[in-house]
Amino acid sequence: MFSGILITICIEILLPVITGLAAALALGEGRSRLDLLAQSFVYGQIIIFAIFQPVFVFAILKDYKFSKAALMFGVIMAPVVIILIALTAVKYRKKLIAALKKRSFDPGIWGIAALVILGIMIVMSFVMAYYDGDDSYYVAAAAEGINSDSMYKKEPYTGYPIESPYRYLFAPFPMWIAFLSKLSGISVSAMAHSFIPWCMILLVFAVMYILSGYLFKEDGKKRGLFMFFVSVLIMFGDYSIHTPENFLLARSRQGKAALASFILPFMFVLIYGIIKEFNESKKVHPVRLVMVMLTGLAGALGSTLGGVLCVSLVLTASLCMILTYRKFKYPFLMALFSMPCLIFPVLFFVMR
């Protein structure tokens, strides 16, 4: 069990941080070590989701076994991680050393309170299991991948052969849970109810911390106060089963939770950064545009309509940039880079 927990921590925390470090250093927005850690964590998880999505959709459409799909993902992901690590070591080594020497800001009493609430959320998400009716489909679909080495072949409700899997196979987030379960040796149910939630909570707080850096820059106390209010809103936002807070705290093993609580807010933060950079320097770093594309792919992993929502957000921002600055280059590039994720909802409507 201990080795499984250690493997899960490495995959859900260490791997994203290592994977996203090059992107965070390329943008150079880390004002402290905590900034760099939060950015690397978020960027890395987006990259992992963006690679996982097309690999597993392709494998499902080709009727591959789950083990073969997992092997394909590993074969593709390994060189990507190696290249990104090499890029960090060779091109961004000086930036990394300089970033590690920076001190973290004083969060003030409100920041400490936010950390306490975050700790409570993580502990409670790990020790308490929330039941939701959708578990009988999504968790069961993940268990099918492990137990029968197949994907979307049986109807989870009845066990009969599934006739029309297209509603689900273009957003194979349950296969991500199965993948983590397979590597760690932890049961699918435990992974879904105890390990996915605390990772998702950390991702959401990391995104909000990045946003606080845009809003308040180096004012640590204001950032701490901002994070305190965020944590309070999340903790007391469970007044309906349809709120993002409910999905985050009670239904975080579902792809819809990742989309609503993590991916769409990060897309907003990403767009905010693009507009802010363009407003200051009249240009946009290419890494931001690549991250727009990868975030759209990650959104498609969470839900079939996730790609549509991501593109809608990007197109709205592009229109605002055109009307505000009367410039077409970067709004057009933003829209163009967001389009690849639309292949999945298009395939859904064609094949359903």
Protein backbone atom coordinates (compact mmCIF):
# COMPACT_ATOMS: atom_id res chain seq x y z
CA MET A 1 0.00 0.00 0.00
CA PHE A 2 2.82 2.40 0.89
CA SER A 3 4.56 1.82 -2.43
CA GLY A 4 1.26 2.45 -4.23
CA ILE A 5 0.79 5.76 -2.41
CA LEU A 6 4.35 6.75 -3.27
CA ILE A 7 3.85 5.90 -6.95
CA THR A 8 0.58 7.88 -6.99
CA ILE A 9 2.29 10.93 -5.47
CA CYS A 10 5.07 10.69 -8.04
CA ILE A 11 2.60 10.50 -10.95
CA GLU A 12 0.14 13.10 -9.68
CA ILE A 13 2.60 15.65 -8.27
CA LEU A 14 6.24 15.02 -9.16
CA LEU A 15 5.66 14.12 -12.83
CA PRO A 16 3.53 17.22 -13.59
CA VAL A 17 6.04 19.51 -11.87
CA ILE A 18 8.95 18.09 -13.85
CA THR A 19 6.96 18.13 -17.08
CA GLY A 20 5.74 21.71 -16.73
CA LEU A 21 8.98 23.24 -15.45
CA ALA A 22 10.29 24.16 -18.91
CA ALA A 23 7.06 25.99 -19.83
CA ALA A 24 7.03 27.89 -16.53
CA LEU A 25 10.65 28.95 -16.93
CA ALA A 26 10.12 29.92 -20.58
CA LEU A 27 7.39 32.37 -19.57
CA GLY A 28 9.50 33.67 -16.69
CA GLU A 29 6.59 34.74 -14.50
CA GLY A 30 7.73 32.99 -11.33
CA ARG A 31 8.14 35.74 -8.73
CA SER A 32 8.99 33.19 -6.04
CA ARG A 33 9.71 29.51 -5.63
CA LEU A 34 6.06 28.89 -4.80
CA ASP A 35 5.02 30.66 -8.01
CA LEU A 36 7.36 28.44 -10.02
CA LEU A 37 6.07 25.33 -8.27
CA ALA A 38 2.40 26.22 -8.87
CA GLN A 39 2.96 27.09 -12.52
CA SER A 40 5.02 23.96 -13.21
CA PHE A 41 2.42 21.78 -11.51
CA VAL A 42 -0.48 23.20 -13.55
CA TYR A 43 1.34 23.36 -16.90
CA GLY A 44 2.65 19.84 -16.47
CA GLN A 45 -0.77 18.37 -15.68
CA ILE A 46 -2.25 20.11 -18.71
CA ILE A 47 0.49 18.63 -20.92
CA ILE A 48 -0.12 15.14 -19.53
CA PHE A 49 -3.89 15.38 -20.03
CA ALA A 50 -3.41 16.78 -23.54
CA ILE A 51 -1.29 13.79 -24.56
CA PHE A 52 -3.47 11.24 -22.77
CA GLN A 53 -6.66 12.38 -24.53
CA PRO A 54 -5.83 11.68 -28.22
CA VAL A 55 -3.84 8.54 -27.42
CA PHE A 56 -6.70 6.87 -25.58
CA VAL A 57 -9.43 8.07 -27.95
CA PHE A 58 -7.42 6.61 -30.84
CA ALA A 59 -6.88 3.36 -28.91
CA ILE A 60 -10.59 3.04 -28.09
CA LEU A 61 -11.63 3.67 -31.67
CA LYS A 62 -9.10 1.07 -32.84
CA ASP A 63 -10.48 -1.40 -30.28
CA TYR A 64 -7.15 -1.79 -28.48
CA LYS A 65 -6.90 -3.37 -25.08
CA PHE A 66 -6.47 -1.08 -22.11
CA SER A 67 -2.96 -2.39 -21.42
CA LYS A 68 -1.90 -1.62 -25.00
CA ALA A 69 -3.33 1.90 -24.78
CA ALA A 70 -1.51 2.48 -21.50
CA LEU A 71 1.73 1.26 -23.07
CA MET A 72 1.22 3.61 -26.04
CA PHE A 73 0.73 6.54 -23.70
CA GLY A 74 3.88 5.63 -21.77
CA VAL A 75 5.93 5.28 -24.95
CA ILE A 76 4.80 8.73 -26.15
CA MET A 77 4.98 10.43 -22.76
CA ALA A 78 8.47 9.24 -21.82
CA PRO A 79 10.39 11.04 -24.61
CA VAL A 80 8.27 14.17 -24.10
CA VAL A 81 9.28 14.29 -20.43
CA ILE A 82 12.93 13.58 -21.28
CA ILE A 83 13.00 16.36 -23.89
CA LEU A 84 11.39 18.83 -21.48
CA ILE A 85 13.85 17.92 -18.71
CA ALA A 86 16.78 18.29 -21.13
CA LEU A 87 15.38 21.65 -22.25
CA THR A 88 15.20 22.80 -18.64
CA ALA A 89 18.74 21.63 -17.91
CA VAL A 90 20.31 23.12 -21.05
CA LYS A 91 18.33 26.23 -22.01
CA TYR A 92 16.68 27.32 -18.77
CA ARG A 93 19.26 26.22 -16.20
CA LYS A 94 20.22 29.79 -15.23
CA LYS A 95 16.58 30.81 -14.93
CA LEU A 96 15.91 27.80 -12.71
CA ILE A 97 18.83 28.61 -10.40
CA ALA A 98 17.74 32.25 -10.20
CA ALA A 99 14.14 31.24 -9.47
CA LEU A 100 15.20 28.84 -6.70
CA LYS A 101 17.10 31.66 -5.00
CA LYS A 102 14.03 33.86 -4.80
CA ARG A 103 12.23 34.02 -1.49
CA SER A 104 8.56 33.32 -1.08
CA PHE A 105 6.32 36.22 -0.11
CA ASP A 106 4.94 36.72 3.36
CA PRO A 107 1.34 35.44 3.01
CA GLY A 108 0.17 37.13 6.19
CA ILE A 109 -2.35 35.69 8.63
CA TRP A 110 -4.98 35.27 5.89
CA GLY A 111 -2.59 33.26 3.73
CA ILE A 112 -1.82 30.98 6.67
CA ALA A 113 -5.56 30.57 7.25
CA ALA A 114 -5.96 29.63 3.58
CA LEU A 115 -3.25 26.99 3.95
CA VAL A 116 -5.03 25.58 7.00
CA ILE A 117 -8.32 25.34 5.11
CA LEU A 118 -6.51 23.74 2.17
CA GLY A 119 -5.01 21.16 4.53
CA ILE A 120 -8.44 20.41 6.00
CA MET A 121 -9.90 19.94 2.52
CA ILE A 122 -7.12 17.57 1.50
CA VAL A 123 -7.41 15.48 4.66
CA MET A 124 -11.19 15.30 4.46
CA SER A 125 -11.11 14.42 0.75
CA PHE A 126 -8.76 11.54 1.55
CA VAL A 127 -10.52 10.07 4.59
CA MET A 128 -14.12 10.61 3.49
CA ALA A 129 -15.75 8.95 0.48
CA TYR A 130 -18.64 10.74 -1.24
CA TYR A 131 -21.12 8.68 -3.18
CA ASP A 132 -22.69 9.96 -6.37
CA GLY A 133 -25.07 8.20 -8.72
CA ASP A 134 -22.71 8.70 -11.66
CA ASP A 135 -20.11 6.55 -9.86
CA SER A 136 -21.98 3.48 -11.02
CA TYR A 137 -20.97 4.37 -14.55
CA TYR A 138 -17.67 6.24 -14.43
CA VAL A 139 -15.94 4.30 -11.67
CA ALA A 140 -17.28 1.05 -13.09
CA ALA A 141 -15.96 2.00 -16.54
CA ALA A 142 -12.52 2.54 -15.01
CA ALA A 143 -12.74 -0.80 -13.21
CA GLU A 144 -13.59 -2.48 -16.51
CA GLY A 145 -10.31 -1.29 -17.97
CA ILE A 146 -8.39 -2.98 -15.16
CA ASN A 147 -10.46 -6.13 -14.69
CA SER A 148 -11.21 -7.08 -18.30
CA ASP A 149 -8.41 -5.17 -20.06
CA SER A 150 -10.99 -3.54 -22.34
CA MET A 151 -12.47 -0.08 -22.76
CA TYR A 152 -16.17 0.74 -23.13
CA LYS A 153 -17.16 -2.77 -24.14
CA LYS A 154 -19.67 -3.50 -21.39
CA GLU A 155 -22.54 -1.43 -20.10
CA PRO A 156 -21.48 -0.66 -16.50
CA TYR A 157 -25.08 -0.63 -15.27
CA THR A 158 -25.95 -4.11 -16.55
CA GLY A 159 -22.77 -5.82 -17.70
CA TYR A 160 -24.21 -6.39 -21.17
CA PRO A 161 -22.26 -5.45 -24.31
CA ILE A 162 -22.50 -1.70 -24.83
CA GLU A 163 -24.20 -0.66 -28.06
CA SER A 164 -23.39 3.04 -28.35
CA PRO A 165 -20.28 4.10 -26.38
CA TYR A 166 -19.74 7.30 -28.36
CA ARG A 167 -21.21 9.53 -25.68
CA TYR A 168 -18.38 8.55 -23.36
CA LEU A 169 -15.38 7.35 -25.35
CA PHE A 170 -14.39 10.80 -26.63
CA ALA A 171 -13.83 11.93 -23.02
CA PRO A 172 -12.05 8.93 -21.46
CA PHE A 173 -11.30 10.45 -18.04
CA PRO A 174 -12.22 7.14 -16.34
CA MET A 175 -9.31 5.60 -18.22
CA TRP A 176 -7.01 8.10 -16.51
CA ILE A 177 -8.23 6.78 -13.16
CA ALA A 178 -7.70 3.23 -14.42
CA PHE A 179 -4.20 4.16 -15.61
CA LEU A 180 -3.26 5.51 -12.18
CA SER A 181 -4.78 2.46 -10.52
CA LYS A 182 -2.89 0.08 -12.80
CA LEU A 183 0.49 1.69 -12.15
CA SER A 184 0.06 2.12 -8.41
CA GLY A 185 -1.70 -1.14 -7.61
CA ILE A 186 -4.36 0.78 -5.65
CA SER A 187 -7.92 -0.29 -6.36
CA VAL A 188 -9.96 1.79 -8.79
CA SER A 189 -12.52 2.70 -6.13
CA ALA A 190 -9.85 3.90 -3.69
CA MET A 191 -8.08 5.82 -6.43
CA ALA A 192 -11.29 7.51 -7.55
CA HIS A 193 -12.58 8.39 -4.10
CA SER A 194 -9.41 9.03 -2.07
CA PHE A 195 -6.49 9.96 -4.35
CA ILE A 196 -7.98 11.86 -7.29
CA PRO A 197 -9.79 14.41 -5.04
CA TRP A 198 -6.78 15.79 -3.18
CA CYS A 199 -4.79 16.12 -6.40
CA MET A 200 -7.66 18.00 -8.05
CA ILE A 201 -7.96 20.32 -5.05
CA LEU A 202 -4.23 21.11 -5.25
CA LEU A 203 -4.54 21.85 -8.98
CA VAL A 204 -7.44 24.25 -8.41
CA PHE A 205 -5.58 26.09 -5.66
CA ALA A 206 -2.48 26.28 -7.88
CA VAL A 207 -4.53 27.88 -10.66
CA MET A 208 -6.00 30.41 -8.25
CA TYR A 209 -2.53 31.18 -6.88
CA ILE A 210 -1.30 31.88 -10.42
CA LEU A 211 -4.27 34.22 -10.90
CA SER A 212 -3.43 36.00 -7.64
CA GLY A 213 0.04 36.69 -9.05
CA TYR A 214 -1.49 38.45 -12.05
CA LEU A 215 -3.84 40.47 -9.87
CA PHE A 216 -1.55 41.45 -6.98
CA LYS A 217 1.99 40.77 -8.28
CA GLU A 218 4.44 40.75 -5.33
CA ASP A 219 2.00 41.77 -2.60
CA GLY A 220 2.05 38.55 -0.60
CA LYS A 221 -0.55 39.65 1.95
CA LYS A 222 -3.11 40.54 -0.71
CA ARG A 223 -2.44 37.23 -2.43
CA GLY A 224 -2.92 35.47 0.89
CA LEU A 225 -6.22 37.26 1.47
CA PHE A 226 -7.32 36.36 -2.07
CA MET A 227 -6.51 32.69 -1.48
CA PHE A 228 -8.39 32.77 1.83
CA PHE A 229 -11.55 34.01 0.14
CA VAL A 230 -11.10 31.40 -2.61
CA SER A 231 -10.82 28.63 -0.03
CA VAL A 232 -13.91 29.89 1.83
CA LEU A 233 -15.94 30.07 -1.39
CA ILE A 234 -14.89 26.52 -2.27
CA MET A 235 -15.64 25.17 1.20
CA PHE A 236 -19.11 26.74 1.37
CA GLY A 237 -19.97 26.48 -2.32
CA ASP A 238 -21.51 23.06 -1.95
CA TYR A 239 -25.05 24.44 -1.75
CA SER A 240 -26.12 22.59 -4.92
CA ILE A 241 -25.09 19.44 -6.75
CA HIS A 242 -24.52 21.54 -9.88
CA THR A 243 -21.89 23.99 -8.63
CA PRO A 244 -18.19 23.67 -9.56
CA GLU A 245 -17.43 23.50 -5.83
CA ASN A 246 -19.64 20.43 -5.48
CA PHE A 247 -17.91 18.76 -8.40
CA LEU A 248 -14.52 19.57 -6.88
CA LEU A 249 -15.23 18.37 -3.35
CA ALA A 250 -17.77 15.60 -3.87
CA ARG A 251 -17.44 14.45 -7.49
CA SER A 252 -13.79 15.11 -8.30
CA ARG A 253 -13.27 11.65 -9.84
CA GLN A 254 -15.48 12.70 -12.76
CA GLY A 255 -14.05 14.42 -15.80
CA LYS A 256 -16.71 17.12 -15.49
CA ALA A 257 -15.10 18.15 -12.20
CA ALA A 258 -11.68 18.52 -13.82
CA LEU A 259 -13.24 20.58 -16.61
CA ALA A 260 -15.35 22.91 -14.45
CA SER A 261 -12.98 23.38 -11.51
CA PHE A 262 -9.54 23.17 -13.08
CA ILE A 263 -9.33 23.33 -16.88
CA LEU A 264 -11.81 26.12 -17.69
CA PRO A 265 -10.48 28.38 -14.88
CA PHE A 266 -6.95 27.76 -16.14
CA MET A 267 -8.00 28.63 -19.68
CA PHE A 268 -9.34 31.91 -18.30
CA VAL A 269 -6.05 32.55 -16.48
CA LEU A 270 -4.12 31.67 -19.63
CA ILE A 271 -6.18 34.11 -21.71
CA TYR A 272 -5.76 36.76 -19.01
CA GLY A 273 -2.00 36.31 -19.27
CA ILE A 274 -2.09 36.56 -23.06
CA ILE A 275 -4.08 39.81 -23.02
CA LYS A 276 -1.92 41.23 -20.23
CA GLU A 277 1.30 40.44 -22.10
CA PHE A 278 -0.04 41.83 -25.37
CA ASN A 279 -1.19 45.00 -23.62
CA GLU A 280 2.30 45.53 -22.18
CA SER A 281 4.58 44.44 -25.05
CA LYS A 282 2.33 44.09 -28.13
CA LYS A 283 3.41 40.47 -28.54
CA VAL A 284 2.58 37.06 -27.08
CA HIS A 285 5.02 34.33 -26.09
CA PRO A 286 4.60 31.23 -28.31
CA VAL A 287 4.41 28.99 -25.23
CA ARG A 288 1.11 30.64 -24.27
CA LEU A 289 -0.38 29.83 -27.66
CA VAL A 290 0.78 26.22 -27.42
CA MET A 291 -0.75 26.02 -23.95
CA VAL A 292 -4.07 27.23 -25.41
CA MET A 293 -4.08 24.22 -27.72
CA LEU A 294 -3.03 21.80 -24.98
CA THR A 295 -5.62 23.16 -22.55
CA GLY A 296 -8.33 22.63 -25.15
CA LEU A 297 -7.24 19.01 -25.55
CA ALA A 298 -7.22 18.59 -21.78
CA GLY A 299 -10.75 20.03 -21.67
CA ALA A 300 -11.87 17.44 -24.20
CA LEU A 301 -10.61 14.73 -21.83
CA GLY A 302 -12.96 15.93 -19.12
CA SER A 303 -16.11 16.08 -21.23
CA THR A 304 -17.13 15.64 -24.86
CA LEU A 305 -18.30 19.26 -24.87
CA GLY A 306 -15.22 20.40 -22.98
CA GLY A 307 -13.44 21.28 -26.19
CA VAL A 308 -16.41 23.34 -27.34
CA LEU A 309 -16.45 25.29 -24.08
CA CYS A 310 -12.71 25.94 -24.27
CA VAL A 311 -12.96 27.14 -27.86
CA SER A 312 -15.93 29.34 -26.99
CA LEU A 313 -13.91 30.97 -24.23
CA VAL A 314 -10.94 31.55 -26.55
CA LEU A 315 -13.11 32.93 -29.36
CA THR A 316 -14.80 35.34 -26.97
CA ALA A 317 -11.40 36.57 -25.78
CA SER A 318 -10.17 36.87 -29.38
CA LEU A 319 -13.18 39.00 -30.29
CA CYS A 320 -12.55 41.23 -27.27
CA MET A 321 -8.90 41.68 -28.30
CA ILE A 322 -9.90 42.60 -31.86
CA LEU A 323 -12.44 45.16 -30.68
CA THR A 324 -10.04 46.60 -28.11
CA TYR A 325 -6.72 46.71 -29.94
CA ARG A 326 -7.78 46.54 -33.61
CA LYS A 327 -5.10 43.90 -34.14
CA PHE A 328 -5.83 40.55 -35.77
CA LYS A 329 -2.59 38.53 -35.60
CA TYR A 330 -2.69 37.17 -32.05
CA PRO A 331 -6.48 36.88 -31.76
CA PHE A 332 -6.39 34.84 -34.98
CA LEU A 333 -3.52 32.67 -33.65
CA MET A 334 -5.38 32.12 -30.37
CA ALA A 335 -8.47 30.98 -32.24
CA LEU A 336 -6.41 28.81 -34.59
CA PHE A 337 -4.51 27.09 -31.78
CA SER A 338 -7.74 26.32 -29.94
CA MET A 339 -9.33 24.46 -32.84
CA PRO A 340 -7.65 20.98 -32.65
CA CYS A 341 -9.78 19.97 -29.67
CA LEU A 342 -12.94 20.36 -31.76
CA ILE A 343 -12.11 17.12 -33.59
CA PHE A 344 -13.54 15.13 -30.68
CA PRO A 345 -17.03 16.70 -30.50
CA VAL A 346 -17.14 16.63 -34.32
CA LEU A 347 -16.36 12.91 -34.29
CA PHE A 348 -19.01 12.45 -31.62
CA PHE A 349 -21.74 14.05 -33.74
CA VAL A 350 -20.61 12.19 -36.85
CA MET A 351 -20.37 8.73 -35.26
CA ARG A 352 -23.23 8.78 -32.74
